Protein backbone atom coordinates (compact mmCIF):
# COMPACT_ATOMS: atom_id res chain seq x y z
CA GLN A 1 0.00 0.00 0.00
CA VAL A 2 1.39 3.41 -1.01
CA GLN A 3 0.43 7.09 -0.93
CA LEU A 4 1.47 9.33 -3.83
CA VAL A 5 2.17 13.08 -3.82
CA GLU A 6 2.96 14.99 -7.03
CA SER A 7 5.00 18.19 -7.24
CA GLY A 8 6.81 20.35 -9.79
CA GLY A 9 3.87 21.74 -11.73
CA GLY A 10 3.54 25.38 -12.67
CA LEU A 11 3.46 27.90 -15.52
CA VAL A 12 5.93 27.53 -18.37
CA GLN A 13 6.27 29.14 -21.82
CA PRO A 14 5.92 27.12 -25.03
CA GLY A 15 9.20 25.39 -25.83
CA GLY A 16 10.20 25.34 -22.18
CA SER A 17 10.86 22.44 -19.83
CA LEU A 18 9.47 21.19 -16.55
CA ARG A 19 10.16 18.19 -14.33
CA LEU A 20 7.40 16.57 -12.30
CA SER A 21 8.08 14.40 -9.27
CA CYS A 22 5.92 11.83 -7.53
CA ALA A 23 6.97 10.84 -4.03
CA ALA A 24 5.63 7.60 -2.60
CA SER A 25 5.21 6.63 1.01
CA GLY A 26 4.64 3.07 2.16
CA SER A 27 6.25 -0.28 1.57
CA PHE A 28 7.61 -2.15 -1.46
CA PHE A 29 7.74 0.72 -3.97
CA SER A 30 9.96 -1.33 -6.29
CA ILE A 31 7.23 -3.93 -6.94
CA TYR A 32 4.89 -1.38 -8.53
CA HIS A 33 4.69 -0.29 -12.13
CA MET A 34 4.31 3.50 -12.36
CA ALA A 35 2.57 5.84 -14.77
CA TRP A 36 1.75 9.47 -15.44
CA TYR A 37 -1.70 10.51 -16.64
CA ARG A 38 -3.06 13.93 -17.49
CA GLN A 39 -6.50 15.51 -17.71
CA ALA A 40 -7.41 18.81 -19.34
CA PRO A 41 -10.61 20.66 -18.31
CA GLY A 42 -13.66 18.92 -19.76
CA LYS A 43 -11.54 16.11 -21.21
CA GLN A 44 -10.96 12.44 -20.42
CA ARG A 45 -7.95 11.43 -18.38
CA GLU A 46 -5.27 10.02 -20.69
CA LEU A 47 -2.13 7.97 -20.22
CA VAL A 48 1.05 9.96 -20.85
CA ALA A 49 3.84 7.54 -19.95
CA SER A 50 4.48 4.38 -17.95
CA ILE A 51 7.49 2.57 -16.56
CA THR A 52 7.60 -1.03 -15.36
CA THR A 53 9.39 -2.51 -12.38
CA GLY A 54 12.08 -3.50 -14.89
CA SER A 55 12.39 0.13 -16.11
CA ILE A 56 10.76 -0.51 -19.49
CA SER A 57 9.01 2.68 -20.57
CA ASN A 58 6.17 3.51 -22.96
CA TYR A 59 4.83 6.86 -24.16
CA ALA A 60 1.75 8.31 -25.76
CA ASP A 61 2.39 9.31 -29.37
CA ALA A 62 1.74 12.96 -28.52
CA VAL A 63 4.74 13.13 -26.16
CA LYS A 64 7.25 10.74 -27.75
CA GLY A 65 10.65 12.35 -28.12
CA ARG A 66 9.73 15.18 -25.74
CA PHE A 67 8.91 13.52 -22.39
CA THR A 68 10.98 11.04 -20.37
CA ILE A 69 9.74 8.94 -17.46
CA SER A 70 12.20 7.57 -14.91
CA ARG A 71 12.21 6.10 -11.43
CA ASP A 72 14.53 6.05 -8.45
CA ASN A 73 13.56 3.09 -6.28
CA ALA A 74 16.03 4.06 -3.55
CA LYS A 75 14.18 7.38 -3.15
CA ASN A 76 10.68 5.96 -3.77
CA THR A 77 10.18 8.53 -6.52
CA VAL A 78 9.08 8.61 -10.15
CA PHE A 79 9.81 11.57 -12.46
CA LEU A 80 8.45 13.00 -15.68
CA GLN A 81 10.88 15.24 -17.56
CA MET A 82 8.93 17.37 -20.03
CA ASN A 83 10.79 19.21 -22.80
CA SER A 84 9.64 21.27 -25.79
CA LEU A 85 6.33 21.90 -24.07
CA LYS A 86 3.30 22.88 -26.13
CA PRO A 87 0.05 24.62 -25.12
CA GLU A 88 -1.80 21.33 -25.66
CA ASP A 89 0.25 19.81 -22.83
CA THR A 90 -1.70 21.99 -20.39
CA ALA A 91 -3.48 19.70 -17.91
CA VAL A 92 -3.50 18.35 -14.40
CA TYR A 93 -0.91 15.58 -14.22
CA TYR A 94 -1.50 12.56 -12.00
CA CYS A 95 0.86 9.89 -10.71
CA ASN A 96 -0.32 6.27 -10.67
CA ALA A 97 1.02 3.07 -9.11
CA TYR A 98 -0.31 -0.33 -10.13
CA THR A 99 0.36 -4.05 -10.29
CA VAL A 100 -0.17 -6.63 -13.04
CA PRO A 101 -2.28 -8.74 -12.76
CA VAL A 102 -4.61 -6.18 -11.19
CA GLY A 103 -4.17 -6.14 -7.44
CA ALA A 104 -3.40 -2.53 -6.60
CA ASP A 105 -4.18 0.87 -8.15
CA TYR A 106 -3.12 4.06 -6.35
CA TRP A 107 -3.45 7.70 -7.44
CA GLY A 108 -1.99 11.03 -6.36
CA GLN A 109 -4.00 14.26 -6.11
CA GLY A 110 -2.46 15.83 -9.22
CA THR A 111 -0.33 18.87 -10.08
CA GLN A 112 -1.28 21.63 -12.55
CA VAL A 113 0.88 22.24 -15.62
CA THR A 114 0.08 25.31 -17.72
CA VAL A 115 1.92 26.04 -20.97
CA SER A 116 1.27 29.60 -22.13
CA SER A 117 3.16 32.66 -23.34
């Protein structure tokens, strides 16, 4: 069982960069796959990136080549490095921890990212 807290959101200009962090509390962080989702106002929540316990990552087509997900198991933290940001990246970003087969599914409260000049 883990609790997740996101940080690092804010206002950034188009073309800029931002790094989000998700700090986990609890036991056995290394056994969980991790993911970042985002949700814009009035829109469905969508998967942005994921990283497995074996550090295999996957990305949504919209962010490939611009975003990088990583994890530091020793610090119980997952990161999302966002480069070349676009206005359409504006959303609330959520951290997610899960297991496969389904046995656990934890969510953070979210952090706002706004890309505007």
